[in-house]
Amino acid sequence: MNHDTITLVQRSFKDVVPIADMVGETFYARLFETHPEVRPMFAEDIRPQAKKLVQMLAMVVNGLHRLPAIQSEVAALARRHREYGVAEAHYPVVGEALILTLEHHLGDAFTQQIKDAWIEAFTTLSDVMIDAMHEPPRAVGGHA
């Protein structure tokens, strides 16, 4: 990911921050609408998870310029998701819902260039997460 891509994602995310709660809820509405099979993986009240999603997005987006430093956090997130039943096939589904959500909330400001930047950023991060999912589970107590 180059500097321009990171800048486009970070600048566009600033427009998401004031409407973060709506963005999180829209994301899950889109996800469940397009892929109802994932709905049972989540609690009935999606609002707490929607807040967590936007908080995690903020952490990742703000850390894109120092990607190697956040990769361990992103990998740990993937390992936790594996425990919840998330599979490799879910990542493109999530990416699709994310892009649809951003298009919806950012409107005309979500240009093709910004969309491409978000797709590249999501692909980069999902690759890290997928790799981490395939790591063997870590033993309790730090012993391998």
N, C-alpha and C. Protein backbone atom coordinates (compact mmCIF):
# COMPACT_ATOMS: atom_id res chain seq x y z
N MET A 1 0.85 -1.17 0.00
CA MET A 1 0.00 0.00 0.00
C MET A 1 0.90 1.24 0.00
N ASN A 2 0.66 2.13 -0.92
CA ASN A 2 1.50 3.33 -0.98
C ASN A 2 0.90 4.48 -0.16
N HIS A 3 1.67 5.54 -0.07
CA HIS A 3 1.28 6.70 0.74
C HIS A 3 -0.04 7.31 0.26
N ASP A 4 -0.23 7.40 -1.06
CA ASP A 4 -1.46 7.99 -1.60
C ASP A 4 -2.69 7.17 -1.21
N THR A 5 -2.58 5.86 -1.28
CA THR A 5 -3.69 4.99 -0.89
C THR A 5 -4.04 5.20 0.57
N ILE A 6 -3.04 5.21 1.41
CA ILE A 6 -3.25 5.39 2.85
C ILE A 6 -3.89 6.75 3.12
N THR A 7 -3.42 7.77 2.46
CA THR A 7 -3.96 9.12 2.64
C THR A 7 -5.44 9.17 2.24
N LEU A 8 -5.78 8.56 1.11
CA LEU A 8 -7.18 8.55 0.66
C LEU A 8 -8.08 7.85 1.68
N VAL A 9 -7.64 6.73 2.20
CA VAL A 9 -8.44 5.99 3.18
C VAL A 9 -8.59 6.82 4.45
N GLN A 10 -7.48 7.36 4.93
CA GLN A 10 -7.53 8.12 6.18
C GLN A 10 -8.37 9.38 6.06
N ARG A 11 -8.23 10.10 4.97
CA ARG A 11 -9.04 11.32 4.79
C ARG A 11 -10.52 11.00 4.68
N SER A 12 -10.85 9.98 3.93
CA SER A 12 -12.27 9.64 3.77
C SER A 12 -12.86 9.11 5.08
N PHE A 13 -12.05 8.46 5.89
CA PHE A 13 -12.55 7.95 7.17
C PHE A 13 -12.93 9.09 8.11
N LYS A 14 -12.31 10.24 7.96
CA LYS A 14 -12.67 11.39 8.79
C LYS A 14 -14.14 11.78 8.61
N ASP A 15 -14.69 11.51 7.42
CA ASP A 15 -16.10 11.79 7.18
C ASP A 15 -17.01 10.73 7.81
N VAL A 16 -16.44 9.60 8.15
CA VAL A 16 -17.19 8.51 8.78
C VAL A 16 -17.33 8.76 10.29
N VAL A 17 -16.31 9.34 10.88
CA VAL A 17 -16.26 9.49 12.34
C VAL A 17 -17.51 10.14 12.92
N PRO A 18 -18.01 11.26 12.38
CA PRO A 18 -19.19 11.88 12.99
C PRO A 18 -20.46 11.03 12.91
N ILE A 19 -20.48 10.08 12.01
CA ILE A 19 -21.67 9.23 11.84
C ILE A 19 -21.32 7.76 12.13
N ALA A 20 -20.36 7.56 13.00
CA ALA A 20 -19.83 6.23 13.26
C ALA A 20 -20.90 5.23 13.67
N ASP A 21 -21.82 5.62 14.55
CA ASP A 21 -22.85 4.68 14.99
C ASP A 21 -23.72 4.24 13.81
N MET A 22 -24.10 5.17 12.97
CA MET A 22 -24.92 4.82 11.80
C MET A 22 -24.14 3.92 10.85
N VAL A 23 -22.86 4.22 10.67
CA VAL A 23 -22.03 3.43 9.76
C VAL A 23 -21.94 1.99 10.25
N GLY A 24 -21.70 1.81 11.54
CA GLY A 24 -21.61 0.46 12.09
C GLY A 24 -22.90 -0.32 11.91
N GLU A 25 -24.01 0.33 12.21
CA GLU A 25 -25.31 -0.35 12.08
C GLU A 25 -25.66 -0.63 10.61
N THR A 26 -25.33 0.31 9.73
CA THR A 26 -25.56 0.09 8.30
C THR A 26 -24.72 -1.08 7.80
N PHE A 27 -23.47 -1.15 8.26
CA PHE A 27 -22.59 -2.25 7.85
C PHE A 27 -23.26 -3.60 8.15
N TYR A 28 -23.72 -3.76 9.38
CA TYR A 28 -24.31 -5.05 9.74
C TYR A 28 -25.64 -5.28 9.03
N ALA A 29 -26.41 -4.24 8.82
CA ALA A 29 -27.65 -4.40 8.05
C ALA A 29 -27.34 -4.90 6.64
N ARG A 30 -26.33 -4.32 6.01
CA ARG A 30 -25.93 -4.74 4.66
C ARG A 30 -25.40 -6.17 4.68
N LEU A 31 -24.56 -6.46 5.68
CA LEU A 31 -23.99 -7.80 5.78
C LEU A 31 -25.08 -8.85 5.91
N PHE A 32 -26.04 -8.60 6.80
CA PHE A 32 -27.10 -9.58 7.03
C PHE A 32 -28.10 -9.64 5.87
N GLU A 33 -28.26 -8.53 5.17
CA GLU A 33 -29.15 -8.51 4.01
C GLU A 33 -28.56 -9.33 2.86
N THR A 34 -27.27 -9.15 2.62
CA THR A 34 -26.63 -9.83 1.49
C THR A 34 -26.17 -11.25 1.84
N HIS A 35 -25.94 -11.51 3.12
CA HIS A 35 -25.45 -12.83 3.55
C HIS A 35 -26.11 -13.24 4.86
N PRO A 36 -27.40 -13.55 4.80
CA PRO A 36 -28.13 -13.87 6.03
C PRO A 36 -27.57 -15.08 6.78
N GLU A 37 -26.80 -15.90 6.11
CA GLU A 37 -26.23 -17.07 6.76
C GLU A 37 -25.25 -16.72 7.89
N VAL A 38 -24.73 -15.49 7.90
CA VAL A 38 -23.80 -15.10 8.97
C VAL A 38 -24.52 -14.50 10.18
N ARG A 39 -25.80 -14.21 10.06
CA ARG A 39 -26.54 -13.57 11.16
C ARG A 39 -26.45 -14.34 12.47
N PRO A 40 -26.54 -15.69 12.47
CA PRO A 40 -26.47 -16.42 13.73
C PRO A 40 -25.13 -16.29 14.47
N MET A 41 -24.11 -15.77 13.81
CA MET A 41 -22.80 -15.61 14.45
C MET A 41 -22.78 -14.41 15.40
N PHE A 42 -23.84 -13.62 15.41
CA PHE A 42 -23.86 -12.36 16.14
C PHE A 42 -25.01 -12.32 17.15
N ALA A 43 -24.82 -11.50 18.16
CA ALA A 43 -25.87 -11.29 19.17
C ALA A 43 -27.09 -10.64 18.55
N GLU A 44 -28.21 -10.81 19.20
CA GLU A 44 -29.46 -10.20 18.72
C GLU A 44 -29.32 -8.68 18.59
N ASP A 45 -28.81 -8.05 19.64
CA ASP A 45 -28.59 -6.60 19.63
C ASP A 45 -27.22 -6.33 19.03
N ILE A 46 -27.21 -5.84 17.82
CA ILE A 46 -25.96 -5.65 17.08
C ILE A 46 -25.27 -4.33 17.42
N ARG A 47 -25.93 -3.44 18.14
CA ARG A 47 -25.36 -2.11 18.40
C ARG A 47 -24.00 -2.16 19.10
N PRO A 48 -23.79 -2.98 20.14
CA PRO A 48 -22.45 -3.02 20.74
C PRO A 48 -21.38 -3.49 19.76
N GLN A 49 -21.73 -4.48 18.93
CA GLN A 49 -20.78 -4.98 17.94
C GLN A 49 -20.51 -3.92 16.87
N ALA A 50 -21.53 -3.16 16.51
CA ALA A 50 -21.36 -2.10 15.51
C ALA A 50 -20.38 -1.04 16.03
N LYS A 51 -20.47 -0.72 17.31
CA LYS A 51 -19.53 0.24 17.90
C LYS A 51 -18.11 -0.32 17.88
N LYS A 52 -17.97 -1.60 18.22
CA LYS A 52 -16.64 -2.24 18.21
C LYS A 52 -16.05 -2.24 16.81
N LEU A 53 -16.90 -2.49 15.82
CA LEU A 53 -16.44 -2.50 14.43
C LEU A 53 -15.82 -1.16 14.06
N VAL A 54 -16.53 -0.08 14.34
CA VAL A 54 -16.04 1.25 13.96
C VAL A 54 -14.79 1.61 14.77
N GLN A 55 -14.74 1.20 16.03
CA GLN A 55 -13.53 1.45 16.83
C GLN A 55 -12.34 0.71 16.24
N MET A 56 -12.56 -0.54 15.83
CA MET A 56 -11.47 -1.31 15.22
C MET A 56 -11.07 -0.70 13.88
N LEU A 57 -12.05 -0.28 13.10
CA LEU A 57 -11.74 0.39 11.84
C LEU A 57 -10.88 1.63 12.09
N ALA A 58 -11.24 2.40 13.10
CA ALA A 58 -10.48 3.62 13.42
C ALA A 58 -9.04 3.26 13.78
N MET A 59 -8.85 2.24 14.59
CA MET A 59 -7.50 1.83 14.97
C MET A 59 -6.69 1.43 13.75
N VAL A 60 -7.31 0.64 12.90
CA VAL A 60 -6.61 0.16 11.72
C VAL A 60 -6.33 1.30 10.73
N VAL A 61 -7.34 2.10 10.45
CA VAL A 61 -7.17 3.20 9.49
C VAL A 61 -6.10 4.17 9.99
N ASN A 62 -6.13 4.50 11.26
CA ASN A 62 -5.13 5.42 11.80
C ASN A 62 -3.73 4.80 11.80
N GLY A 63 -3.65 3.48 11.79
CA GLY A 63 -2.37 2.81 11.82
C GLY A 63 -1.84 2.36 10.47
N LEU A 64 -2.55 2.67 9.40
CA LEU A 64 -2.12 2.20 8.08
C LEU A 64 -0.72 2.67 7.71
N HIS A 65 -0.35 3.86 8.13
CA HIS A 65 0.98 4.37 7.79
C HIS A 65 2.09 3.65 8.55
N ARG A 66 1.73 2.86 9.52
CA ARG A 66 2.71 2.05 10.27
C ARG A 66 2.20 0.60 10.32
N LEU A 67 1.88 0.09 9.16
CA LEU A 67 1.28 -1.22 9.03
C LEU A 67 2.04 -2.32 9.76
N PRO A 68 3.36 -2.40 9.65
CA PRO A 68 4.04 -3.48 10.38
C PRO A 68 3.78 -3.45 11.90
N ALA A 69 3.58 -2.27 12.44
CA ALA A 69 3.34 -2.14 13.88
C ALA A 69 1.96 -2.63 14.29
N ILE A 70 0.97 -2.55 13.40
CA ILE A 70 -0.38 -2.98 13.78
C ILE A 70 -0.70 -4.39 13.30
N GLN A 71 0.19 -4.99 12.52
CA GLN A 71 -0.09 -6.32 11.99
C GLN A 71 -0.32 -7.35 13.10
N SER A 72 0.40 -7.25 14.21
CA SER A 72 0.20 -8.22 15.28
C SER A 72 -1.18 -8.07 15.89
N GLU A 73 -1.67 -6.83 16.02
CA GLU A 73 -3.03 -6.61 16.54
C GLU A 73 -4.08 -7.15 15.57
N VAL A 74 -3.85 -6.93 14.30
CA VAL A 74 -4.78 -7.41 13.27
C VAL A 74 -4.78 -8.94 13.24
N ALA A 75 -3.60 -9.54 13.36
CA ALA A 75 -3.51 -11.00 13.39
C ALA A 75 -4.20 -11.57 14.62
N ALA A 76 -4.04 -10.92 15.76
CA ALA A 76 -4.70 -11.38 16.99
C ALA A 76 -6.22 -11.30 16.84
N LEU A 77 -6.69 -10.25 16.19
CA LEU A 77 -8.12 -10.11 15.92
C LEU A 77 -8.61 -11.29 15.07
N ALA A 78 -7.84 -11.65 14.08
CA ALA A 78 -8.22 -12.77 13.20
C ALA A 78 -8.27 -14.08 13.98
N ARG A 79 -7.31 -14.29 14.87
CA ARG A 79 -7.32 -15.52 15.67
C ARG A 79 -8.55 -15.57 16.58
N ARG A 80 -8.95 -14.41 17.14
CA ARG A 80 -10.18 -14.38 17.95
C ARG A 80 -11.40 -14.67 17.09
N HIS A 81 -11.42 -14.10 15.90
CA HIS A 81 -12.54 -14.34 15.00
C HIS A 81 -12.64 -15.81 14.61
N ARG A 82 -11.51 -16.45 14.46
CA ARG A 82 -11.51 -17.89 14.13
C ARG A 82 -12.26 -18.66 15.22
N GLU A 83 -12.06 -18.25 16.46
CA GLU A 83 -12.74 -18.92 17.59
C GLU A 83 -14.26 -18.70 17.54
N TYR A 84 -14.70 -17.64 16.88
CA TYR A 84 -16.14 -17.35 16.76
C TYR A 84 -16.75 -18.03 15.54
N GLY A 85 -15.94 -18.73 14.78
CA GLY A 85 -16.46 -19.44 13.62
C GLY A 85 -16.25 -18.72 12.29
N VAL A 86 -15.48 -17.65 12.29
CA VAL A 86 -15.21 -16.93 11.05
C VAL A 86 -14.28 -17.78 10.17
N ALA A 87 -14.64 -17.88 8.91
CA ALA A 87 -13.86 -18.65 7.94
C ALA A 87 -13.28 -17.72 6.89
N GLU A 88 -12.32 -18.22 6.15
CA GLU A 88 -11.68 -17.42 5.10
C GLU A 88 -12.71 -16.85 4.12
N ALA A 89 -13.73 -17.62 3.83
CA ALA A 89 -14.75 -17.18 2.87
C ALA A 89 -15.55 -15.97 3.36
N HIS A 90 -15.50 -15.68 4.65
CA HIS A 90 -16.24 -14.54 5.18
C HIS A 90 -15.56 -13.20 4.86
N TYR A 91 -14.27 -13.20 4.62
CA TYR A 91 -13.56 -11.94 4.41
C TYR A 91 -14.04 -11.17 3.18
N PRO A 92 -14.22 -11.80 2.02
CA PRO A 92 -14.76 -11.04 0.88
C PRO A 92 -16.17 -10.52 1.14
N VAL A 93 -16.96 -11.27 1.90
CA VAL A 93 -18.32 -10.87 2.25
C VAL A 93 -18.28 -9.60 3.09
N VAL A 94 -17.39 -9.57 4.06
CA VAL A 94 -17.23 -8.39 4.92
C VAL A 94 -16.73 -7.20 4.10
N GLY A 95 -15.78 -7.45 3.22
CA GLY A 95 -15.27 -6.37 2.37
C GLY A 95 -16.37 -5.77 1.49
N GLU A 96 -17.20 -6.63 0.95
CA GLU A 96 -18.32 -6.16 0.12
C GLU A 96 -19.27 -5.29 0.94
N ALA A 97 -19.61 -5.75 2.15
CA ALA A 97 -20.51 -4.98 3.01
C ALA A 97 -19.89 -3.65 3.41
N LEU A 98 -18.59 -3.65 3.65
CA LEU A 98 -17.89 -2.42 4.02
C LEU A 98 -17.94 -1.40 2.88
N ILE A 99 -17.65 -1.84 1.68
CA ILE A 99 -17.65 -0.93 0.53
C ILE A 99 -19.07 -0.40 0.28
N LEU A 100 -20.07 -1.26 0.35
CA LEU A 100 -21.46 -0.81 0.18
C LEU A 100 -21.84 0.22 1.24
N THR A 101 -21.39 0.00 2.45
CA THR A 101 -21.69 0.93 3.55
C THR A 101 -21.03 2.28 3.31
N LEU A 102 -19.77 2.26 2.92
CA LEU A 102 -19.06 3.52 2.66
C LEU A 102 -19.69 4.26 1.49
N GLU A 103 -20.05 3.55 0.44
CA GLU A 103 -20.72 4.18 -0.70
C GLU A 103 -22.02 4.85 -0.26
N HIS A 104 -22.77 4.15 0.57
CA HIS A 104 -24.05 4.68 1.05
C HIS A 104 -23.86 5.96 1.87
N HIS A 105 -22.94 5.94 2.81
CA HIS A 105 -22.80 7.07 3.72
C HIS A 105 -21.96 8.23 3.17
N LEU A 106 -21.00 7.92 2.32
CA LEU A 106 -20.15 9.00 1.79
C LEU A 106 -20.68 9.56 0.48
N GLY A 107 -21.59 8.85 -0.16
CA GLY A 107 -22.22 9.37 -1.37
C GLY A 107 -21.22 9.72 -2.46
N ASP A 108 -21.40 10.90 -3.05
CA ASP A 108 -20.55 11.34 -4.16
C ASP A 108 -19.09 11.52 -3.74
N ALA A 109 -18.85 11.71 -2.45
CA ALA A 109 -17.47 11.85 -1.96
C ALA A 109 -16.70 10.54 -2.06
N PHE A 110 -17.42 9.44 -2.20
CA PHE A 110 -16.78 8.12 -2.32
C PHE A 110 -16.48 7.87 -3.79
N THR A 111 -15.45 8.53 -4.26
CA THR A 111 -15.06 8.46 -5.67
C THR A 111 -14.48 7.08 -5.98
N GLN A 112 -14.30 6.81 -7.25
CA GLN A 112 -13.70 5.53 -7.66
C GLN A 112 -12.29 5.40 -7.08
N GLN A 113 -11.56 6.50 -7.05
CA GLN A 113 -10.19 6.47 -6.52
C GLN A 113 -10.21 6.12 -5.02
N ILE A 114 -11.13 6.68 -4.27
CA ILE A 114 -11.24 6.38 -2.85
C ILE A 114 -11.73 4.94 -2.66
N LYS A 115 -12.67 4.52 -3.47
CA LYS A 115 -13.16 3.14 -3.40
C LYS A 115 -12.00 2.16 -3.64
N ASP A 116 -11.21 2.42 -4.67
CA ASP A 116 -10.07 1.55 -4.97
C ASP A 116 -9.08 1.52 -3.81
N ALA A 117 -8.88 2.67 -3.17
CA ALA A 117 -7.96 2.73 -2.02
C ALA A 117 -8.48 1.88 -0.87
N TRP A 118 -9.79 1.97 -0.59
CA TRP A 118 -10.39 1.17 0.47
C TRP A 118 -10.30 -0.32 0.15
N ILE A 119 -10.54 -0.68 -1.09
CA ILE A 119 -10.44 -2.09 -1.49
C ILE A 119 -9.01 -2.58 -1.30
N GLU A 120 -8.04 -1.78 -1.69
CA GLU A 120 -6.65 -2.18 -1.51
C GLU A 120 -6.31 -2.33 -0.03
N ALA A 121 -6.74 -1.37 0.78
CA ALA A 121 -6.45 -1.44 2.22
C ALA A 121 -7.13 -2.66 2.84
N PHE A 122 -8.39 -2.89 2.50
CA PHE A 122 -9.10 -4.04 3.06
C PHE A 122 -8.43 -5.34 2.63
N THR A 123 -8.05 -5.43 1.37
CA THR A 123 -7.41 -6.65 0.86
C THR A 123 -6.09 -6.90 1.58
N THR A 124 -5.31 -5.85 1.78
CA THR A 124 -4.04 -5.98 2.49
C THR A 124 -4.27 -6.50 3.90
N LEU A 125 -5.21 -5.91 4.60
CA LEU A 125 -5.48 -6.31 5.98
C LEU A 125 -6.14 -7.69 6.06
N SER A 126 -7.04 -7.98 5.14
CA SER A 126 -7.67 -9.29 5.19
C SER A 126 -6.66 -10.39 4.86
N ASP A 127 -5.67 -10.11 4.02
CA ASP A 127 -4.62 -11.09 3.76
C ASP A 127 -3.85 -11.41 5.04
N VAL A 128 -3.55 -10.37 5.83
CA VAL A 128 -2.87 -10.58 7.12
C VAL A 128 -3.75 -11.44 8.03
N MET A 129 -5.04 -11.13 8.06
CA MET A 129 -5.97 -11.85 8.93
C MET A 129 -6.14 -13.30 8.47
N ILE A 130 -6.23 -13.53 7.20
CA ILE A 130 -6.39 -14.89 6.68
C ILE A 130 -5.14 -15.71 6.99
N ASP A 131 -3.97 -15.12 6.80
CA ASP A 131 -2.74 -15.82 7.15
C ASP A 131 -2.73 -16.20 8.62
N ALA A 132 -3.16 -15.29 9.48
CA ALA A 132 -3.19 -15.55 10.92
C ALA A 132 -4.20 -16.64 11.27
N MET A 133 -5.31 -16.68 10.55
CA MET A 133 -6.32 -17.71 10.80
C MET A 133 -5.76 -19.10 10.58
N HIS A 134 -4.83 -19.22 9.65
CA HIS A 134 -4.28 -20.52 9.30
C HIS A 134 -3.13 -20.94 10.20
N GLU A 135 -2.72 -20.04 11.11
CA GLU A 135 -1.68 -20.42 12.08
C GLU A 135 -2.28 -21.41 13.06
N PRO A 136 -1.48 -22.34 13.55
CA PRO A 136 -2.02 -23.26 14.56
C PRO A 136 -2.39 -22.48 15.82
N PRO A 137 -3.44 -22.90 16.52
CA PRO A 137 -3.81 -22.22 17.77
C PRO A 137 -2.65 -22.24 18.75
N ARG A 138 -2.53 -21.15 19.48
CA ARG A 138 -1.45 -21.06 20.48
C ARG A 138 -1.86 -21.79 21.74
N ALA A 139 -0.89 -22.45 22.32
CA ALA A 139 -1.14 -23.19 23.56
C ALA A 139 -1.34 -22.22 24.72
N VAL A 140 -2.17 -22.59 25.67
CA VAL A 140 -2.40 -21.80 26.88
C VAL A 140 -1.12 -21.76 27.68
N GLY A 141 -0.81 -20.60 28.25
CA GLY A 141 0.39 -20.47 29.06
C GLY A 141 1.64 -20.17 28.26
N GLY A 142 1.49 -19.95 26.96
CA GLY A 142 2.63 -19.55 26.13
C GLY A 142 3.52 -20.68 25.70
N HIS A 143 3.15 -21.92 25.94
CA HIS A 143 3.97 -23.05 25.50
C HIS A 143 3.46 -23.57 24.17
N ALA A 144 4.35 -23.82 23.27
CA ALA A 144 3.96 -24.29 21.96
C ALA A 144 3.99 -25.80 21.86
